[in-house]
C-alpha atoms as a PDB file:
ATOM      1  CA  MET A   1     -12.717  39.919 -22.603  1.00  0.00           C
ATOM      2  CA  THR A   2     -15.678  41.439 -21.626  1.00  0.00           C
ATOM      3  CA  GLU A   3     -18.160  43.947 -23.032  1.00  0.00           C
ATOM      4  CA  PRO A   4     -17.884  47.579 -20.749  1.00  0.00           C
ATOM      5  CA  ILE A   5     -21.287  48.176 -19.698  1.00  0.00           C
ATOM      6  CA  SER A   6     -23.061  51.140 -18.566  1.00  0.00           C
ATOM      7  CA  ILE A   7     -25.810  52.310 -16.539  1.00  0.00           C
ATOM      8  CA  ARG A   8     -27.523  55.384 -17.018  1.00  0.00           C
ATOM      9  CA  LEU A   9     -29.949  56.814 -14.482  1.00  0.00           C
ATOM     10  CA  THR A  10     -32.181  59.562 -14.101  1.00  0.00           C
ATOM     11  CA  GLY A  11     -30.888  63.097 -12.691  1.00  0.00           C
ATOM     12  CA  HIS A  12     -27.294  62.046 -14.256  1.00  0.00           C
ATOM     13  CA  VAL A  13     -25.819  63.126 -17.560  1.00  0.00           C
ATOM     14  CA  ALA A  14     -22.744  60.608 -16.847  1.00  0.00           C
ATOM     15  CA  ALA A  15     -23.289  57.117 -17.073  1.00  0.00           C
ATOM     16  CA  PHE A  16     -22.058  54.771 -14.723  1.00  0.00           C
ATOM     17  CA  PRO A  17     -19.550  51.975 -15.348  1.00  0.00           C
ATOM     18  CA  ALA A  18     -20.825  48.617 -14.125  1.00  0.00           C
ATOM     19  CA  THR A  19     -20.669  44.814 -14.454  1.00  0.00           C
ATOM     20  CA  SER A  20     -23.173  43.380 -15.645  1.00  0.00           C
ATOM     21  CA  GLU A  21     -24.394  42.015 -12.307  1.00  0.00           C
ATOM     22  CA  ALA A  22     -25.063  45.309 -11.196  1.00  0.00           C
ATOM     23  CA  ARG A  23     -27.182  46.119 -14.059  1.00  0.00           C
ATOM     24  CA  GLU A  24     -29.541  43.622 -13.726  1.00  0.00           C
ATOM     25  CA  ALA A  25     -29.564  43.924  -9.556  1.00  0.00           C
ATOM     26  CA  LEU A  26     -30.232  47.632 -10.341  1.00  0.00           C
ATOM     27  CA  ARG A  27     -32.947  45.926 -13.069  1.00  0.00           C
ATOM     28  CA  ARG A  28     -34.859  44.085 -10.477  1.00  0.00           C
ATOM     29  CA  TYR A  29     -35.150  46.679  -8.005  1.00  0.00           C
ATOM     30  CA  LEU A  30     -36.042  49.216  -9.826  1.00  0.00           C
ATOM     31  CA  ASP A  31     -38.967  46.728 -11.488  1.00  0.00           C
ATOM     32  CA  ASP A  32     -39.514  45.551  -7.768  1.00  0.00           C
ATOM     33  CA  ALA A  33     -40.364  48.922  -6.573  1.00  0.00           C
ATOM     34  CA  ARG A  34     -42.423  49.955  -9.712  1.00  0.00           C
ATOM     35  CA  ARG A  35     -44.571  46.830  -9.238  1.00  0.00           C
ATOM     36  CA  ALA A  36     -44.814  47.719  -5.323  1.00  0.00           C
ATOM     37  CA  LEU A  37     -45.726  51.180  -6.133  1.00  0.00           C
ATOM     38  CA  ARG A  38     -48.260  50.044  -9.267  1.00  0.00           C
ATOM     39  CA  SER A  39     -51.234  51.415  -7.366  1.00  0.00           C
ATOM     40  CA  ASP A  40     -49.915  54.693  -6.043  1.00  0.00           C
ATOM     41  CA  PRO A  41     -50.786  57.500  -8.624  1.00  0.00           C
ATOM     42  CA  ASP A  42     -47.162  58.773  -8.035  1.00  0.00           C
ATOM     43  CA  ALA A  43     -45.020  55.387  -8.563  1.00  0.00           C
ATOM     44  CA  ASP A  44     -43.631  57.092 -11.827  1.00  0.00           C
ATOM     45  CA  GLU A  45     -42.170  60.306 -10.339  1.00  0.00           C
ATOM     46  CA  ILE A  46     -41.282  57.685  -6.790  1.00  0.00           C
ATOM     47  CA  VAL A  47     -38.874  55.478  -9.327  1.00  0.00           C
ATOM     48  CA  ARG A  48     -37.773  58.254 -10.798  1.00  0.00           C
ATOM     49  CA  ASP A  49     -36.675  60.348  -8.005  1.00  0.00           C
ATOM     50  CA  LEU A  50     -34.879  56.743  -6.378  1.00  0.00           C
ATOM     51  CA  GLU A  51     -33.197  56.350  -9.503  1.00  0.00           C
ATOM     52  CA  CYS A  52     -31.372  59.826  -9.150  1.00  0.00           C
ATOM     53  CA  ALA A  53     -30.821  58.809  -5.231  1.00  0.00           C
ATOM     54  CA  ILE A  54     -28.705  55.726  -6.453  1.00  0.00           C
ATOM     55  CA  GLY A  55     -27.216  57.893  -8.623  1.00  0.00           C
ATOM     56  CA  ASP A  56     -26.195  60.239  -6.348  1.00  0.00           C
ATOM     57  CA  ARG A  57     -24.794  57.640  -3.680  1.00  0.00           C
ATOM     58  CA  LEU A  58     -22.717  55.400  -7.124  1.00  0.00           C
ATOM     59  CA  SER A  59     -21.667  59.367  -7.943  1.00  0.00           C
ATOM     60  CA  ALA A  60     -20.224  59.264  -4.575  1.00  0.00           C
ATOM     61  CA  PHE A  61     -18.550  55.812  -5.025  1.00  0.00           C
ATOM     62  CA  ILE A  62     -16.982  56.659  -8.486  1.00  0.00           C
ATOM     63  CA  GLY A  63     -15.576  59.898  -6.954  1.00  0.00           C
ATOM     64  CA  LEU A  64     -13.357  57.810  -4.354  1.00  0.00           C
ATOM     65  CA  GLY A  65     -11.969  55.989  -7.179  1.00  0.00           C
ATOM     66  CA  ASP A  66     -13.429  52.260  -7.753  1.00  0.00           C
ATOM     67  CA  ALA A  67     -13.335  51.799 -11.092  1.00  0.00           C
ATOM     68  CA  SER A  68     -17.093  50.588 -11.822  1.00  0.00           C
ATOM     69  CA  VAL A  69     -20.073  49.500  -9.897  1.00  0.00           C
ATOM     70  CA  THR A  70     -20.226  46.027  -8.680  1.00  0.00           C
ATOM     71  CA  GLY A  71     -23.267  45.766  -6.447  1.00  0.00           C
ATOM     72  CA  ASP A  72     -21.168  44.308  -3.630  1.00  0.00           C
ATOM     73  CA  ARG A  73     -21.708  47.054  -1.808  1.00  0.00           C
END
C-alpha cells in the first residue's frame, strides 16, 4: 500500500490528495518557473500566483469527484 501524499499550495487551506508522480511534476514545474524568473524582481510573487492558480484548477477537479491528483491532466 502506498503512503498517502498531499500537496499544499499557496492560497488554499486544504491539501490536495496526490500521487508522488504528480507532486514531483508540480515541484519540477515550479522549480523551472523560479529559474526562468530568477532575474525578475517579482519572481516570488509570480510563483505564488502560479501556485494559487494551480490550486484553483485542482479545486475544480477534486470537486468533480476525482480521488487524487495524478498528473494525467
